[in-house]
Amino acid sequence: MILPFTAHVKIQNEYRNEYDFEESVDSVQTDIRLWATKIALSFLKEFSERSKDDHFKFYMKLLNLTGQQEFEEVYRNFPKCNKLIYLDTVISGLVSHTILKGL
């Protein structure tokens, strides 16, 4: 399953200034990873329940808006999972720690 767990965010200073963006990149990355965790957990639900999940619905909308309709179709038809297996190539442990905290 392709989810944005390893979100490496770079926000250029011109955008920070234009939009008064004061959040740290670390907190944005953490929030994206926790959001991706919630999407992964939605696959433990039947599709009828998953399709009402706000995190899942937003991800489907993002896939559609970014031209990734083939993933949107796969995820819409993905059967309910009975359990998840989390695999990661741990380098620093920060990403893994955030994801496991979210699970």
Protein backbone atom coordinates (compact mmCIF):
# COMPACT_ATOMS: atom_id res chain seq x y z
CA MET A 1 0.00 0.00 0.00
CA ILE A 2 1.49 3.32 -0.99
CA LEU A 3 0.91 5.95 1.69
CA PRO A 4 2.84 9.15 2.47
CA PHE A 5 4.47 7.87 5.67
CA THR A 6 7.90 9.15 4.68
CA ALA A 7 6.87 12.72 4.13
CA HIS A 8 9.90 14.87 3.56
CA VAL A 9 8.57 18.40 3.43
CA LYS A 10 10.40 21.46 2.17
CA ILE A 11 8.62 24.79 2.31
CA GLN A 12 10.40 27.59 0.52
CA ASN A 13 10.82 30.85 2.41
CA GLU A 14 8.89 32.80 -0.23
CA TYR A 15 5.80 30.63 0.46
CA ARG A 16 6.34 30.87 4.22
CA ASN A 17 6.33 34.66 3.93
CA GLU A 18 3.48 34.91 1.42
CA TYR A 19 1.15 32.69 3.49
CA ASP A 20 2.44 33.59 6.99
CA PHE A 21 3.34 29.95 7.51
CA GLU A 22 5.05 29.61 10.87
CA GLU A 23 4.80 25.87 11.54
CA SER A 24 8.06 23.97 11.69
CA VAL A 25 8.75 21.47 8.93
CA ASP A 26 9.16 18.76 11.59
CA SER A 27 5.62 19.31 12.89
CA VAL A 28 4.21 19.27 9.34
CA GLN A 29 6.00 15.98 8.61
CA THR A 30 4.73 14.50 11.88
CA ASP A 31 1.15 15.55 11.09
CA ILE A 32 1.36 14.01 7.61
CA ARG A 33 2.69 10.72 9.04
CA LEU A 34 -0.05 10.58 11.66
CA TRP A 35 -2.63 11.29 8.95
CA ALA A 36 -1.19 8.46 6.81
CA THR A 37 -1.45 6.17 9.84
CA LYS A 38 -5.15 6.97 10.13
CA ILE A 39 -5.58 6.13 6.45
CA ALA A 40 -3.83 2.78 6.97
CA LEU A 41 -6.10 2.05 9.94
CA SER A 42 -9.16 2.77 7.80
CA PHE A 43 -8.37 -0.40 5.83
CA LEU A 44 -9.31 -2.40 8.95
CA LYS A 45 -12.90 -1.32 8.21
CA GLU A 46 -15.36 -2.58 5.63
CA PHE A 47 -15.49 -0.34 2.55
CA SER A 48 -18.92 1.01 3.47
CA GLU A 49 -17.50 2.28 6.77
CA ARG A 50 -14.10 3.26 5.32
CA SER A 51 -15.73 5.40 2.62
CA LYS A 52 -17.22 7.59 5.40
CA ASP A 53 -13.84 8.10 7.09
CA ASP A 54 -12.70 11.73 6.65
CA HIS A 55 -9.00 10.80 6.35
CA PHE A 56 -9.74 8.18 3.68
CA LYS A 57 -12.09 10.51 1.75
CA PHE A 58 -9.48 13.28 1.71
CA TYR A 59 -6.80 10.86 0.49
CA MET A 60 -9.07 9.67 -2.33
CA LYS A 61 -9.66 13.29 -3.31
CA LEU A 62 -5.89 13.96 -3.32
CA LEU A 63 -5.27 10.91 -5.50
CA ASN A 64 -7.90 12.11 -7.94
CA LEU A 65 -6.62 15.69 -8.01
CA THR A 66 -3.03 14.56 -8.63
CA GLY A 67 -3.90 12.23 -11.50
CA GLN A 68 -3.48 9.02 -9.52
CA GLN A 69 -6.88 7.57 -10.38
CA GLU A 70 -5.47 4.04 -10.70
CA PHE A 71 -4.56 4.08 -6.99
CA GLU A 72 -7.90 5.62 -6.12
CA GLU A 73 -9.64 2.74 -7.89
CA VAL A 74 -7.48 0.10 -6.15
CA TYR A 75 -8.07 1.62 -2.70
CA ARG A 76 -11.80 2.01 -3.26
CA ASN A 77 -12.06 -1.70 -4.08
CA PHE A 78 -9.53 -2.90 -1.49
CA PRO A 79 -11.08 -5.52 0.81
CA LYS A 80 -11.18 -5.11 4.58
CA CYS A 81 -7.91 -6.14 6.22
CA ASN A 82 -7.96 -8.23 9.36
CA LYS A 83 -4.53 -7.02 10.45
CA LEU A 84 -1.74 -4.73 9.34
CA ILE A 85 1.94 -5.48 9.02
CA TYR A 86 4.17 -2.45 9.34
CA LEU A 87 7.54 -2.67 7.57
CA ASP A 88 10.07 0.13 7.60
CA THR A 89 13.73 0.62 6.78
CA VAL A 90 14.56 2.36 10.02
CA ILE A 91 17.42 4.82 9.68
CA SER A 92 16.98 7.27 12.53
CA GLY A 93 13.84 5.83 14.12
CA LEU A 94 11.99 9.15 14.08
CA VAL A 95 9.51 8.19 11.34
CA SER A 96 8.96 4.75 12.84
CA HIS A 97 8.39 6.25 16.29
CA THR A 98 5.77 8.67 14.94
CA ILE A 99 3.94 5.97 12.97
CA LEU A 100 3.94 3.47 15.83
CA LYS A 101 2.67 6.20 18.16
CA GLY A 102 -0.18 6.79 15.68
CA LEU A 103 -1.04 3.10 15.51
